[in-house]
Amino acid sequence: MSTDPAAAPASSTRARWAALAVVVLAGNLVVASWRAHGQAPVWVVHAGPEARSVAVDGEEGGACAPGATCLRVREGARTLRWTDAGGRARALEVSLLRGPLERLLDDGPVVVVDLDAAGDEGPGAGPPAGNALLVEEASYGDARPPRPPELHFGQARYDLPALDDAFAPFPEQATGGREGALRRRVVALTGTPARVLERLPAELPTARALDYAEHHLARAARGARGPE
């Protein structure tokens, strides 16, 4: 067996360069993740009729139009403050934390805050908001059939699994969703309970629509009684 004396140094040099490239790439990923840290998206939902200002930790807030608006909020424990439709000050604490890869890809759970979920009961509060979140799927080509829609309601904050389309229409053609040719999205159904019920898709399980109706009937009954 013969060996080439020049082959070993050349192979060693290539290995060192490859290791250096891996270190540089890893360093760039760490830096990019660090730069992205503190900029997690928070979706703010309300029924309007006018835009509301939401302050984060006492800083000047962003104007959130009726429907869904995305705010960029520093990661960590934060306090959101706003004034509700009845003119009362409201606050909600949120904790935001993503992993390095989620920061790099600007991905991760979808955090949604419903400004109308609290404080719409009792005298002078006005008609209760019936805001709800609808999670639905669309399949393209040979993808499996979409699962039935999901309806979320009655909470001030939601942490939804990562989605392909947050508060946006489905694309006309599949563009690489999380499950290939199948995409998931969330949309906000805002307004009174009657208006939301009219907009529920036929594919939604009837039992879930009844849960929604019963929830808001109970809220309306508590509001009519006033504070206990």
C-alpha atoms as a PDB file:
ATOM      1  CA  MET A   1       0.000   0.000   0.000  1.00  0.00           C
ATOM      2  CA  SER A   2       1.464   3.336  -1.069  1.00  0.00           C
ATOM      3  CA  THR A   3       0.571   6.796   0.163  1.00  0.00           C
ATOM      4  CA  ASP A   4       0.962  10.248  -1.319  1.00  0.00           C
ATOM      5  CA  PRO A   5       2.762  12.507   1.194  1.00  0.00           C
ATOM      6  CA  ALA A   6       1.019  15.606  -0.219  1.00  0.00           C
ATOM      7  CA  ALA A   7      -2.469  14.151   0.161  1.00  0.00           C
ATOM      8  CA  ALA A   8      -2.598  14.225   3.991  1.00  0.00           C
ATOM      9  CA  PRO A   9      -1.781  17.964   4.354  1.00  0.00           C
ATOM     10  CA  ALA A  10      -4.292  18.864   1.630  1.00  0.00           C
ATOM     11  CA  SER A  11      -7.028  16.804   3.288  1.00  0.00           C
ATOM     12  CA  SER A  12      -6.231  18.378   6.647  1.00  0.00           C
ATOM     13  CA  THR A  13      -6.438  21.861   5.153  1.00  0.00           C
ATOM     14  CA  ARG A  14      -9.845  21.160   3.600  1.00  0.00           C
ATOM     15  CA  ALA A  15     -11.117  19.835   6.928  1.00  0.00           C
ATOM     16  CA  ARG A  16      -9.926  22.995   8.736  1.00  0.00           C
ATOM     17  CA  TRP A  17     -11.631  25.234   6.155  1.00  0.00           C
ATOM     18  CA  ALA A  18     -14.848  23.217   6.430  1.00  0.00           C
ATOM     19  CA  ALA A  19     -14.790  23.494  10.222  1.00  0.00           C
ATOM     20  CA  LEU A  20     -14.174  27.234   9.967  1.00  0.00           C
ATOM     21  CA  ALA A  21     -17.120  27.616   7.575  1.00  0.00           C
ATOM     22  CA  VAL A  22     -19.372  25.767  10.029  1.00  0.00           C
ATOM     23  CA  VAL A  23     -18.250  28.034  12.882  1.00  0.00           C
ATOM     24  CA  VAL A  24     -18.859  31.178  10.816  1.00  0.00           C
ATOM     25  CA  LEU A  25     -22.301  29.970   9.746  1.00  0.00           C
ATOM     26  CA  ALA A  26     -23.248  29.107  13.326  1.00  0.00           C
ATOM     27  CA  GLY A  27     -22.017  32.503  14.486  1.00  0.00           C
ATOM     28  CA  ASN A  28     -24.098  34.278  11.852  1.00  0.00           C
ATOM     29  CA  LEU A  29     -27.185  32.326  12.917  1.00  0.00           C
ATOM     30  CA  VAL A  30     -26.594  33.259  16.556  1.00  0.00           C
ATOM     31  CA  VAL A  31     -26.160  36.940  15.688  1.00  0.00           C
ATOM     32  CA  ALA A  32     -29.251  36.949  13.481  1.00  0.00           C
ATOM     33  CA  SER A  33     -31.285  35.272  16.232  1.00  0.00           C
ATOM     34  CA  TRP A  34     -29.962  37.773  18.799  1.00  0.00           C
ATOM     35  CA  ARG A  35     -30.922  40.715  16.583  1.00  0.00           C
ATOM     36  CA  ALA A  36     -34.411  39.286  16.123  1.00  0.00           C
ATOM     37  CA  HIS A  37     -34.819  38.761  19.880  1.00  0.00           C
ATOM     38  CA  GLY A  38     -37.403  41.053  21.393  1.00  0.00           C
ATOM     39  CA  GLN A  39     -39.498  41.503  18.293  1.00  0.00           C
ATOM     40  CA  ALA A  40     -42.237  38.914  18.677  1.00  0.00           C
ATOM     41  CA  PRO A  41     -45.505  39.595  16.822  1.00  0.00           C
ATOM     42  CA  VAL A  42     -48.685  40.099  18.860  1.00  0.00           C
ATOM     43  CA  TRP A  43     -51.997  40.322  17.016  1.00  0.00           C
ATOM     44  CA  VAL A  44     -54.554  42.715  18.521  1.00  0.00           C
ATOM     45  CA  VAL A  45     -58.239  42.130  17.736  1.00  0.00           C
ATOM     46  CA  HIS A  46     -61.238  44.354  18.473  1.00  0.00           C
ATOM     47  CA  ALA A  47     -64.587  45.211  16.921  1.00  0.00           C
ATOM     48  CA  GLY A  48     -64.149  48.966  16.675  1.00  0.00           C
ATOM     49  CA  PRO A  49     -65.735  51.153  15.482  1.00  0.00           C
ATOM     50  CA  GLU A  50     -62.589  53.294  15.833  1.00  0.00           C
ATOM     51  CA  ALA A  51     -58.892  52.531  16.131  1.00  0.00           C
ATOM     52  CA  ARG A  52     -57.540  52.050  19.645  1.00  0.00           C
ATOM     53  CA  SER A  53     -54.089  52.848  20.981  1.00  0.00           C
ATOM     54  CA  VAL A  54     -52.345  49.991  22.788  1.00  0.00           C
ATOM     55  CA  ALA A  55     -49.353  50.908  24.968  1.00  0.00           C
ATOM     56  CA  VAL A  56     -46.703  48.358  25.921  1.00  0.00           C
ATOM     57  CA  ASP A  57     -44.992  48.822  29.298  1.00  0.00           C
ATOM     58  CA  GLY A  58     -46.014  52.467  29.414  1.00  0.00           C
ATOM     59  CA  GLU A  59     -44.448  53.331  26.063  1.00  0.00           C
ATOM     60  CA  GLU A  60     -46.432  55.055  23.350  1.00  0.00           C
ATOM     61  CA  GLY A  61     -48.688  52.480  21.796  1.00  0.00           C
ATOM     62  CA  GLY A  62     -49.565  51.564  18.274  1.00  0.00           C
ATOM     63  CA  ALA A  63     -52.875  52.416  16.649  1.00  0.00           C
ATOM     64  CA  CYS A  64     -54.877  49.221  16.181  1.00  0.00           C
ATOM     65  CA  ALA A  65     -57.629  49.414  13.572  1.00  0.00           C
ATOM     66  CA  PRO A  66     -60.848  47.391  13.937  1.00  0.00           C
ATOM     67  CA  GLY A  67     -60.263  43.777  13.020  1.00  0.00           C
ATOM     68  CA  ALA A  68     -56.721  42.419  13.467  1.00  0.00           C
ATOM     69  CA  THR A  69     -53.516  44.475  13.754  1.00  0.00           C
ATOM     70  CA  CYS A  70     -49.983  43.154  14.273  1.00  0.00           C
ATOM     71  CA  LEU A  71     -47.749  44.810  16.890  1.00  0.00           C
ATOM     72  CA  ARG A  72     -44.059  44.011  17.329  1.00  0.00           C
ATOM     73  CA  VAL A  73     -43.452  43.557  21.062  1.00  0.00           C
ATOM     74  CA  ARG A  74     -40.167  42.902  22.857  1.00  0.00           C
ATOM     75  CA  GLU A  75     -39.932  39.390  24.232  1.00  0.00           C
ATOM     76  CA  GLY A  76     -40.314  38.805  27.947  1.00  0.00           C
ATOM     77  CA  ALA A  77     -43.037  39.755  30.433  1.00  0.00           C
ATOM     78  CA  ARG A  78     -44.926  42.760  29.073  1.00  0.00           C
ATOM     79  CA  THR A  79     -48.041  44.712  30.057  1.00  0.00           C
ATOM     80  CA  LEU A  80     -50.449  45.933  27.374  1.00  0.00           C
ATOM     81  CA  ARG A  81     -52.691  48.882  28.305  1.00  0.00           C
ATOM     82  CA  TRP A  82     -55.629  50.369  26.430  1.00  0.00           C
ATOM     83  CA  THR A  83     -58.985  52.076  26.931  1.00  0.00           C
ATOM     84  CA  ASP A  84     -62.071  49.973  26.261  1.00  0.00           C
ATOM     85  CA  ALA A  85     -65.216  51.007  24.369  1.00  0.00           C
ATOM     86  CA  GLY A  86     -66.745  52.259  27.634  1.00  0.00           C
ATOM     87  CA  GLY A  87     -63.806  54.581  28.367  1.00  0.00           C
ATOM     88  CA  ARG A  88     -62.305  52.402  31.093  1.00  0.00           C
ATOM     89  CA  ALA A  89     -58.594  51.666  31.413  1.00  0.00           C
ATOM     90  CA  ARG A  90     -57.685  48.045  30.815  1.00  0.00           C
ATOM     91  CA  ALA A  91     -54.442  46.083  31.161  1.00  0.00           C
ATOM     92  CA  LEU A  92     -53.275  42.605  30.277  1.00  0.00           C
ATOM     93  CA  GLU A  93     -49.959  40.932  31.088  1.00  0.00           C
ATOM     94  CA  VAL A  94     -48.410  38.763  28.409  1.00  0.00           C
ATOM     95  CA  SER A  95     -45.245  36.669  28.411  1.00  0.00           C
ATOM     96  CA  LEU A  96     -43.493  36.240  25.069  1.00  0.00           C
ATOM     97  CA  LEU A  97     -40.578  33.896  24.491  1.00  0.00           C
ATOM     98  CA  ARG A  98     -39.424  32.143  21.338  1.00  0.00           C
ATOM     99  CA  GLY A  99     -36.611  29.726  20.597  1.00  0.00           C
ATOM    100  CA  PRO A 100     -33.530  30.727  18.548  1.00  0.00           C
ATOM    101  CA  LEU A 101     -34.786  29.091  15.336  1.00  0.00           C
ATOM    102  CA  GLU A 102     -38.263  30.632  15.752  1.00  0.00           C
ATOM    103  CA  ARG A 103     -36.667  34.071  16.134  1.00  0.00           C
ATOM    104  CA  LEU A 104     -34.473  33.538  13.090  1.00  0.00           C
ATOM    105  CA  LEU A 105     -37.441  32.480  10.928  1.00  0.00           C
ATOM    106  CA  ASP A 106     -39.826  34.929  12.649  1.00  0.00           C
ATOM    107  CA  ASP A 107     -42.013  31.938  13.371  1.00  0.00           C
ATOM    108  CA  GLY A 108     -43.667  30.294  16.351  1.00  0.00           C
ATOM    109  CA  PRO A 109     -47.024  30.330  18.140  1.00  0.00           C
ATOM    110  CA  VAL A 110     -49.500  33.019  17.086  1.00  0.00           C
ATOM    111  CA  VAL A 111     -50.316  35.246  20.076  1.00  0.00           C
ATOM    112  CA  VAL A 112     -53.656  37.056  19.830  1.00  0.00           C
ATOM    113  CA  VAL A 113     -55.077  39.594  22.317  1.00  0.00           C
ATOM    114  CA  ASP A 114     -58.814  40.379  22.161  1.00  0.00           C
ATOM    115  CA  LEU A 115     -59.355  43.884  23.552  1.00  0.00           C
ATOM    116  CA  ASP A 116     -63.110  43.283  23.778  1.00  0.00           C
ATOM    117  CA  ALA A 117     -62.933  40.036  25.750  1.00  0.00           C
ATOM    118  CA  ALA A 118     -62.956  41.796  29.139  1.00  0.00           C
ATOM    119  CA  GLY A 119     -65.097  44.625  30.423  1.00  0.00           C
ATOM    120  CA  ASP A 120     -68.102  44.281  28.132  1.00  0.00           C
ATOM    121  CA  GLU A 121     -70.509  43.254  30.910  1.00  0.00           C
ATOM    122  CA  GLY A 122     -72.498  45.293  33.404  1.00  0.00           C
ATOM    123  CA  PRO A 123     -74.415  48.584  33.229  1.00  0.00           C
ATOM    124  CA  GLY A 124     -73.161  51.067  30.655  1.00  0.00           C
ATOM    125  CA  ALA A 125     -70.885  48.584  28.940  1.00  0.00           C
ATOM    126  CA  GLY A 126     -72.894  48.579  25.719  1.00  0.00           C
ATOM    127  CA  PRO A 127     -73.645  45.524  23.559  1.00  0.00           C
ATOM    128  CA  PRO A 128     -71.217  42.693  24.335  1.00  0.00           C
ATOM    129  CA  ALA A 129     -68.640  41.990  21.677  1.00  0.00           C
ATOM    130  CA  GLY A 130     -68.822  38.503  20.264  1.00  0.00           C
ATOM    131  CA  ASN A 131     -65.332  38.368  18.808  1.00  0.00           C
ATOM    132  CA  ALA A 132     -64.097  34.908  17.897  1.00  0.00           C
ATOM    133  CA  LEU A 133     -61.139  33.352  16.111  1.00  0.00           C
ATOM    134  CA  LEU A 134     -61.695  30.861  13.320  1.00  0.00           C
ATOM    135  CA  VAL A 135     -58.868  28.477  12.418  1.00  0.00           C
ATOM    136  CA  GLU A 136     -59.379  26.723   9.113  1.00  0.00           C
ATOM    137  CA  GLU A 137     -57.473  24.759   6.500  1.00  0.00           C
ATOM    138  CA  ALA A 138     -57.269  24.749   2.709  1.00  0.00           C
ATOM    139  CA  SER A 139     -55.931  21.839   0.681  1.00  0.00           C
ATOM    140  CA  TYR A 140     -54.351  22.024  -2.756  1.00  0.00           C
ATOM    141  CA  GLY A 141     -53.765  19.295  -5.319  1.00  0.00           C
ATOM    142  CA  ASP A 142     -53.406  15.849  -3.787  1.00  0.00           C
ATOM    143  CA  ALA A 143     -53.233  17.044  -0.176  1.00  0.00           C
ATOM    144  CA  ARG A 144     -55.453  15.360   2.392  1.00  0.00           C
ATOM    145  CA  PRO A 145     -58.930  16.876   2.900  1.00  0.00           C
ATOM    146  CA  PRO A 146     -58.971  19.820   5.318  1.00  0.00           C
ATOM    147  CA  ARG A 147     -59.995  19.163   8.905  1.00  0.00           C
ATOM    148  CA  PRO A 148     -63.156  20.874  10.244  1.00  0.00           C
ATOM    149  CA  PRO A 149     -62.659  24.504  11.325  1.00  0.00           C
ATOM    150  CA  GLU A 150     -61.899  25.374  14.953  1.00  0.00           C
ATOM    151  CA  LEU A 151     -63.684  28.194  16.800  1.00  0.00           C
ATOM    152  CA  HIS A 152     -61.998  29.977  19.727  1.00  0.00           C
ATOM    153  CA  PHE A 153     -63.770  32.543  21.910  1.00  0.00           C
ATOM    154  CA  GLY A 154     -64.194  33.907  25.429  1.00  0.00           C
ATOM    155  CA  GLN A 155     -60.528  34.636  26.203  1.00  0.00           C
ATOM    156  CA  ALA A 156     -58.471  37.813  26.372  1.00  0.00           C
ATOM    157  CA  ARG A 157     -55.365  36.027  25.064  1.00  0.00           C
ATOM    158  CA  TYR A 158     -54.882  33.100  22.715  1.00  0.00           C
ATOM    159  CA  ASP A 159     -51.737  31.126  21.960  1.00  0.00           C
ATOM    160  CA  LEU A 160     -52.379  29.333  18.687  1.00  0.00           C
ATOM    161  CA  PRO A 161     -49.987  26.825  17.111  1.00  0.00           C
ATOM    162  CA  ALA A 162     -47.852  28.210  14.293  1.00  0.00           C
ATOM    163  CA  LEU A 163     -49.907  28.882  11.174  1.00  0.00           C
ATOM    164  CA  ASP A 164     -49.206  29.504   7.496  1.00  0.00           C
ATOM    165  CA  ASP A 165     -51.459  32.553   7.134  1.00  0.00           C
ATOM    166  CA  ALA A 166     -52.302  34.785  10.110  1.00  0.00           C
ATOM    167  CA  PHE A 167     -55.313  37.009   9.399  1.00  0.00           C
ATOM    168  CA  ALA A 168     -54.738  36.817   5.655  1.00  0.00           C
ATOM    169  CA  PRO A 169     -56.518  35.109   2.737  1.00  0.00           C
ATOM    170  CA  PHE A 170     -55.372  31.737   1.519  1.00  0.00           C
ATOM    171  CA  PRO A 171     -53.190  31.998  -1.608  1.00  0.00           C
ATOM    172  CA  GLU A 172     -54.738  30.909  -4.884  1.00  0.00           C
ATOM    173  CA  GLN A 173     -52.043  28.273  -5.275  1.00  0.00           C
ATOM    174  CA  ALA A 174     -50.119  26.255  -2.699  1.00  0.00           C
ATOM    175  CA  THR A 175     -46.825  27.957  -1.812  1.00  0.00           C
ATOM    176  CA  GLY A 176     -45.122  25.536   0.540  1.00  0.00           C
ATOM    177  CA  GLY A 177     -47.270  25.289   3.643  1.00  0.00           C
ATOM    178  CA  ARG A 178     -46.262  23.461   6.812  1.00  0.00           C
ATOM    179  CA  GLU A 179     -47.897  20.301   5.510  1.00  0.00           C
ATOM    180  CA  GLY A 180     -46.931  20.609   1.867  1.00  0.00           C
ATOM    181  CA  ALA A 181     -50.005  21.430  -0.206  1.00  0.00           C
ATOM    182  CA  LEU A 182     -52.171  22.099   2.854  1.00  0.00           C
ATOM    183  CA  ARG A 183     -52.264  25.450   4.632  1.00  0.00           C
ATOM    184  CA  ARG A 184     -53.744  26.662   7.942  1.00  0.00           C
ATOM    185  CA  ARG A 185     -54.853  30.183   8.766  1.00  0.00           C
ATOM    186  CA  VAL A 186     -56.724  32.162  11.428  1.00  0.00           C
ATOM    187  CA  VAL A 187     -59.281  34.908  10.801  1.00  0.00           C
ATOM    188  CA  ALA A 188     -61.030  37.240  13.246  1.00  0.00           C
ATOM    189  CA  LEU A 189     -64.820  37.292  13.407  1.00  0.00           C
ATOM    190  CA  THR A 190     -65.659  40.553  15.164  1.00  0.00           C
ATOM    191  CA  GLY A 191     -68.858  42.294  16.192  1.00  0.00           C
ATOM    192  CA  THR A 192     -71.967  41.228  18.052  1.00  0.00           C
ATOM    193  CA  PRO A 193     -72.670  37.527  18.714  1.00  0.00           C
ATOM    194  CA  ALA A 194     -75.518  37.611  16.165  1.00  0.00           C
ATOM    195  CA  ARG A 195     -73.183  38.956  13.479  1.00  0.00           C
ATOM    196  CA  VAL A 196     -70.543  36.340  14.254  1.00  0.00           C
ATOM    197  CA  LEU A 197     -73.095  33.513  14.148  1.00  0.00           C
ATOM    198  CA  GLU A 198     -74.114  34.618  10.667  1.00  0.00           C
ATOM    199  CA  ARG A 199     -70.513  34.304   9.489  1.00  0.00           C
ATOM    200  CA  LEU A 200     -69.736  30.849  10.861  1.00  0.00           C
ATOM    201  CA  PRO A 201     -68.909  28.383   8.063  1.00  0.00           C
ATOM    202  CA  ALA A 202     -71.184  25.427   7.431  1.00  0.00           C
ATOM    203  CA  GLU A 203     -68.225  23.077   8.026  1.00  0.00           C
ATOM    204  CA  LEU A 204     -67.983  24.119  11.684  1.00  0.00           C
ATOM    205  CA  PRO A 205     -69.365  21.373  13.970  1.00  0.00           C
ATOM    206  CA  THR A 206     -72.845  22.328  15.157  1.00  0.00           C
ATOM    207  CA  ALA A 207     -71.955  21.586  18.780  1.00  0.00           C
ATOM    208  CA  ARG A 208     -69.224  24.231  18.693  1.00  0.00           C
ATOM    209  CA  ALA A 209     -71.596  26.857  17.293  1.00  0.00           C
ATOM    210  CA  LEU A 210     -74.037  26.021  20.116  1.00  0.00           C
ATOM    211  CA  ASP A 211     -71.213  26.401  22.667  1.00  0.00           C
ATOM    212  CA  TYR A 212     -70.550  29.873  21.304  1.00  0.00           C
ATOM    213  CA  ALA A 213     -74.225  30.883  21.448  1.00  0.00           C
ATOM    214  CA  GLU A 214     -74.646  29.574  25.011  1.00  0.00           C
ATOM    215  CA  HIS A 215     -71.504  31.370  26.158  1.00  0.00           C
ATOM    216  CA  HIS A 216     -72.791  34.730  24.977  1.00  0.00           C
ATOM    217  CA  LEU A 217     -76.324  34.168  26.243  1.00  0.00           C
ATOM    218  CA  ALA A 218     -74.823  33.621  29.700  1.00  0.00           C
ATOM    219  CA  ARG A 219     -72.744  36.806  29.383  1.00  0.00           C
ATOM    220  CA  ALA A 220     -75.802  38.805  28.340  1.00  0.00           C
ATOM    221  CA  ALA A 221     -77.746  37.456  31.349  1.00  0.00           C
ATOM    222  CA  ARG A 222     -74.954  38.466  33.738  1.00  0.00           C
ATOM    223  CA  GLY A 223     -74.799  41.922  32.195  1.00  0.00           C
ATOM    224  CA  ALA A 224     -78.566  42.390  32.581  1.00  0.00           C
ATOM    225  CA  ARG A 225     -78.352  41.527  36.292  1.00  0.00           C
ATOM    226  CA  GLY A 226     -75.519  43.976  36.867  1.00  0.00           C
ATOM    227  CA  PRO A 227     -72.784  43.629  39.516  1.00  0.00           C
ATOM    228  CA  GLU A 228     -73.509  41.063  42.209  1.00  0.00           C
END
